[in-house]
Amino acid sequence: MIGIICSLKIEINNLKELMETPEVTKKAGLEFISGKIFDKDIVLLECGIGKVNAAVGTQIMIDMFKPDVIISSGIAGSLVKGLTVGDIVISSDCVEHDLNRTALEEPKGQIHFVDEDRIDIPADKETCDKLAECCKGLGAHVKIGRIATGDMFVTYVRQRENIAFEFDAVCCEMEGGAVGHVCYMNKVPFAILRSISDDMKFYRTENYEEFKQLAADREFKALKKFIQMD
C-alpha cells in the first residue's frame, strides 16, 4: 500500500477523483481515504498545515493502514536562485530547521531520539529515484536535494538564505520533515515530493496564492505516474 499525505485540499483532490470505491476512516478529526487507483492500494490524507498535524496523521496512517511507503507531497518555497516557480524537488533527506537547542551547545536542527541524536533524516532512495523518473516530461526542472521543514511560512529572501546556508537545503515547507521523522521512528520508507510555489523572486504571499495551483497540478501529474508505474 502507498500512503500519500498532503496538507491542502488542492493537493489531494485530483487523486481522490481517481480513486475507485473510496472508503473513509475517521480518526483524531482526520479523514483517511483508502481504495484503489490504477489497481494499486492507496491511502490518502489531507493532514492540515504544520508539523504536529503531519506527525499525528502519519502515525495514525502507519498504525491503521501499515503502508509500505509514505510520500509527503505538496508545495514549497525555494531557498536557492536556480530553483523557480513550477520546479520540482524530491528529498534526498530532510531537516527540521526550527529545532533550536544551541543554548545547550547543540547544533541547530538536531533531533534528540531516545537512542541517538541526528540532524538529517534520509529518504528512501528507491522511492525518490522512481519519483524523479515520473517527473520527466512535466516541463519542470527536477532537483533531488535536502528539504527543510519548520512551523513557519518563510517569506523574505534573507530568511531563505539563512536556512539554505545553515542546512544546505534547497526548499522549505511545513510538513515533510515531520512525516519523515515519524517514518524514521517506525522504520517505514518515505519520500518528499514538492513543487515550488514561491521562490527568491516571487516570494510574497500573493505570489504563493497565484502559483500554488500550478504547483499542485504538477505534483499530481508526478504522483499519478508514480502510482501507475509502482
Protein backbone atom coordinates (compact mmCIF):
# COMPACT_ATOMS: atom_id res chain seq x y z
CA MET A 1 0.00 0.00 0.00
CA ILE A 2 1.14 3.53 -0.81
CA GLY A 3 0.34 6.30 1.67
CA ILE A 4 0.15 9.87 0.37
CA ILE A 5 -0.02 12.77 2.82
CA CYS A 6 -0.78 16.35 1.75
CA SER A 7 -1.59 19.44 3.78
CA LEU A 8 -4.11 21.14 1.49
CA LYS A 9 -7.26 20.11 -0.39
CA ILE A 10 -5.92 21.37 -3.72
CA GLU A 11 -3.02 18.93 -3.34
CA ILE A 12 -5.17 15.85 -2.84
CA ASN A 13 -8.49 16.43 -4.63
CA ASN A 14 -7.31 15.19 -8.03
CA LEU A 15 -6.07 11.93 -6.51
CA LYS A 16 -9.38 11.45 -4.72
CA GLU A 17 -11.19 11.73 -8.03
CA LEU A 18 -9.10 8.86 -9.45
CA MET A 19 -9.87 6.50 -6.56
CA GLU A 20 -12.28 3.62 -7.10
CA THR A 21 -14.83 2.94 -4.33
CA PRO A 22 -13.13 5.16 -1.75
CA GLU A 23 -13.63 4.29 1.91
CA VAL A 24 -13.34 6.97 4.59
CA THR A 25 -11.92 6.19 8.03
CA LYS A 26 -12.06 8.99 10.61
CA LYS A 27 -9.60 9.34 13.46
CA ALA A 28 -8.49 12.36 15.52
CA GLY A 29 -10.53 14.67 13.31
CA LEU A 30 -8.75 13.43 10.17
CA GLU A 31 -10.20 11.56 7.20
CA PHE A 32 -8.16 8.71 5.75
CA ILE A 33 -9.42 7.81 2.29
CA SER A 34 -8.47 4.31 1.12
CA GLY A 35 -9.17 2.49 -2.11
CA LYS A 36 -7.60 1.60 -5.43
CA ILE A 37 -6.03 3.86 -8.03
CA PHE A 38 -4.92 2.02 -11.18
CA ASP A 39 -5.42 -1.25 -9.24
CA LYS A 40 -2.96 -0.17 -6.54
CA ASP A 41 -3.91 0.05 -2.86
CA ILE A 42 -3.68 3.70 -1.82
CA VAL A 43 -4.49 5.65 1.34
CA LEU A 44 -4.77 9.45 1.12
CA LEU A 45 -4.70 12.03 3.88
CA GLU A 46 -5.20 15.78 3.98
CA CYS A 47 -3.38 16.34 7.27
CA GLY A 48 -3.63 20.13 7.63
CA ILE A 49 -0.77 22.60 7.89
CA GLY A 50 2.19 22.22 10.21
CA LYS A 51 4.46 19.65 11.81
CA VAL A 52 2.15 18.41 14.57
CA ASN A 53 -0.76 17.82 12.18
CA ALA A 54 1.55 15.96 9.82
CA ALA A 55 3.10 13.87 12.59
CA VAL A 56 -0.25 12.86 14.08
CA GLY A 57 -1.61 11.92 10.66
CA THR A 58 1.50 9.93 9.77
CA GLN A 59 1.45 7.87 12.96
CA ILE A 60 -2.24 7.07 12.60
CA MET A 61 -1.74 6.10 8.96
CA ILE A 62 1.09 3.74 9.91
CA ASP A 63 -0.87 2.17 12.79
CA MET A 64 -4.13 1.71 10.91
CA PHE A 65 -3.09 1.03 7.32
CA LYS A 66 0.52 -0.19 7.53
CA PRO A 67 1.67 1.36 4.22
CA ASP A 68 4.78 0.01 2.51
CA VAL A 69 5.89 3.56 1.75
CA ILE A 70 4.65 7.08 2.54
CA ILE A 71 5.01 10.08 0.27
CA SER A 72 4.64 13.57 1.68
CA SER A 73 3.51 15.68 -1.25
CA GLY A 74 2.79 19.36 -1.54
CA ILE A 75 4.09 22.79 -2.39
CA ALA A 76 7.19 24.55 -1.11
CA GLY A 77 9.27 27.70 -1.22
CA SER A 78 12.62 27.77 -2.98
CA LEU A 79 15.74 28.58 -0.96
CA VAL A 80 18.14 28.86 -3.91
CA LYS A 81 18.24 31.05 -7.01
CA GLY A 82 18.31 28.20 -9.53
CA LEU A 83 15.00 26.77 -8.34
CA THR A 84 11.93 28.69 -9.51
CA VAL A 85 8.14 28.55 -9.52
CA GLY A 86 6.87 25.28 -11.00
CA ASP A 87 10.12 23.37 -10.48
CA ILE A 88 10.06 20.10 -8.54
CA VAL A 89 12.16 18.96 -5.58
CA ILE A 90 12.48 15.38 -4.38
CA SER A 91 14.04 14.74 -1.00
CA SER A 92 17.47 13.24 -0.58
CA ASP A 93 16.84 13.83 3.10
CA CYS A 94 15.04 16.30 5.35
CA VAL A 95 15.77 18.50 8.35
CA GLU A 96 13.69 20.48 10.84
CA HIS A 97 15.11 23.99 10.61
CA ASP A 98 13.12 25.36 13.56
CA LEU A 99 14.61 22.99 16.17
CA ASN A 100 17.00 25.12 18.21
CA ARG A 101 18.87 24.00 21.32
CA THR A 102 22.01 25.97 20.55
CA ALA A 103 21.86 27.48 24.06
CA LEU A 104 22.82 23.98 25.25
CA GLU A 105 25.70 23.87 22.76
CA GLU A 106 23.88 21.54 20.41
CA PRO A 107 23.86 22.11 16.66
CA LYS A 108 20.80 23.78 15.24
CA GLY A 109 18.23 21.32 13.92
CA GLN A 110 19.49 18.38 15.98
CA ILE A 111 16.74 15.86 16.76
CA HIS A 112 17.01 14.04 20.07
CA PHE A 113 15.75 10.47 19.79
CA VAL A 114 15.85 8.06 22.72
CA ASP A 115 18.82 6.17 21.30
CA GLU A 116 20.56 8.71 19.01
CA ASP A 117 20.94 12.34 18.03
CA ARG A 118 20.91 13.38 14.39
CA ILE A 119 20.04 16.34 12.18
CA ASP A 120 19.24 14.77 8.83
CA ILE A 121 16.62 12.07 8.18
CA PRO A 122 17.36 10.13 4.98
CA ALA A 123 14.59 9.48 2.49
CA ASP A 124 14.15 6.15 0.71
CA LYS A 125 16.42 6.30 -2.35
CA GLU A 126 14.44 3.81 -4.45
CA THR A 127 11.23 5.78 -3.99
CA CYS A 128 12.99 9.08 -4.71
CA ASP A 129 14.52 7.70 -7.89
CA LYS A 130 11.11 6.49 -9.08
CA LEU A 131 9.58 9.89 -8.36
CA ALA A 132 12.36 11.61 -10.30
CA GLU A 133 11.68 9.34 -13.27
CA CYS A 134 7.97 10.20 -13.06
CA CYS A 135 8.73 13.92 -13.18
CA LYS A 136 10.36 13.70 -16.60
CA GLY A 137 8.30 15.30 -19.32
CA LEU A 138 6.37 17.60 -17.00
CA GLY A 139 8.10 20.71 -18.30
CA ALA A 140 9.76 21.39 -14.96
CA HIS A 141 13.32 21.37 -13.69
CA VAL A 142 13.69 18.49 -11.21
CA LYS A 143 16.16 18.57 -8.34
CA ILE A 144 16.96 15.97 -5.68
CA GLY A 145 18.12 17.68 -2.51
CA ARG A 146 17.60 18.42 1.15
CA ILE A 147 14.20 19.74 2.22
CA ALA A 148 13.87 21.91 5.32
CA THR A 149 10.70 21.80 7.42
CA GLY A 150 9.55 24.25 10.06
CA ASP A 151 6.41 25.68 11.62
CA MET A 152 6.66 28.99 9.82
CA PHE A 153 5.75 30.36 6.40
CA VAL A 154 9.09 31.63 5.12
CA THR A 155 8.73 34.75 3.02
CA TYR A 156 11.72 37.08 2.97
CA VAL A 157 14.82 36.44 0.91
CA ARG A 158 17.10 36.82 3.94
CA GLN A 159 15.17 34.10 5.81
CA ARG A 160 15.52 31.80 2.83
CA GLU A 161 19.23 32.48 2.50
CA ASN A 162 19.80 31.77 6.20
CA ILE A 163 18.03 28.39 6.09
CA ALA A 164 19.89 27.42 2.91
CA PHE A 165 23.23 28.41 4.49
CA GLU A 166 22.63 26.71 7.85
CA PHE A 167 21.28 23.43 6.48
CA ASP A 168 22.39 23.24 2.84
CA ALA A 169 18.71 22.86 1.93
CA VAL A 170 17.12 23.73 -1.41
CA CYS A 171 13.49 24.33 -0.40
CA CYS A 172 11.38 24.78 2.70
CA GLU A 173 7.88 23.73 3.72
CA MET A 174 5.89 22.87 6.85
CA GLU A 175 5.14 19.12 6.94
CA GLY A 176 7.63 16.85 5.16
CA GLY A 177 10.24 16.72 7.92
CA ALA A 178 7.59 15.69 10.44
CA VAL A 179 6.39 12.91 8.14
CA GLY A 180 9.99 11.79 7.72
CA HIS A 181 10.62 11.99 11.47
CA VAL A 182 7.70 9.66 12.26
CA CYS A 183 8.51 7.30 9.39
CA TYR A 184 12.12 7.07 10.58
CA MET A 185 10.98 6.14 14.09
CA ASN A 186 8.67 3.46 12.67
CA LYS A 187 11.14 2.21 10.05
CA VAL A 188 8.75 3.00 7.19
CA PRO A 189 10.30 4.13 3.89
CA PHE A 190 9.33 7.66 2.89
CA ALA A 191 9.98 10.36 0.33
CA ILE A 192 9.01 14.01 -0.01
CA LEU A 193 7.80 15.47 -3.31
CA ARG A 194 7.49 19.24 -3.52
CA SER A 195 6.56 21.63 -6.33
CA ILE A 196 7.77 25.21 -5.95
CA SER A 197 5.01 27.77 -5.42
CA ASP A 198 7.22 30.74 -4.44
CA ASP A 199 10.88 31.49 -4.99
CA MET A 200 13.66 34.03 -4.48
CA LYS A 201 12.00 36.45 -6.91
CA PHE A 202 8.30 35.74 -6.29
CA TYR A 203 8.33 35.38 -2.52
CA ARG A 204 5.36 37.36 -1.23
CA THR A 205 2.14 35.78 -0.01
CA GLU A 206 0.26 36.99 -3.07
CA ASN A 207 2.79 35.13 -5.26
CA TYR A 208 2.15 31.96 -3.27
CA GLU A 209 -1.60 32.33 -3.80
CA GLU A 210 -1.05 32.98 -7.51
CA PHE A 211 1.18 29.98 -8.19
CA LYS A 212 0.05 27.31 -5.71
CA GLN A 213 -2.45 25.73 -8.13
CA LEU A 214 0.21 25.41 -10.83
CA ALA A 215 2.50 23.74 -8.31
CA ALA A 216 -0.25 21.40 -7.07
CA ASP A 217 -1.13 20.36 -10.63
CA ARG A 218 2.47 19.38 -11.35
CA GLU A 219 2.83 17.27 -8.24
CA PHE A 220 -0.45 15.50 -9.07
CA LYS A 221 0.85 14.54 -12.52
CA ALA A 222 4.03 13.13 -10.97
CA LEU A 223 2.12 11.13 -8.34
CA LYS A 224 -0.28 9.79 -10.95
CA LYS A 225 2.66 8.43 -12.97
CA PHE A 226 4.28 7.03 -9.82
CA ILE A 227 1.16 5.06 -8.92
CA GLN A 228 0.87 3.74 -12.47
CA MET A 229 4.46 2.50 -12.57
CA ASP A 230 4.86 1.29 -8.97
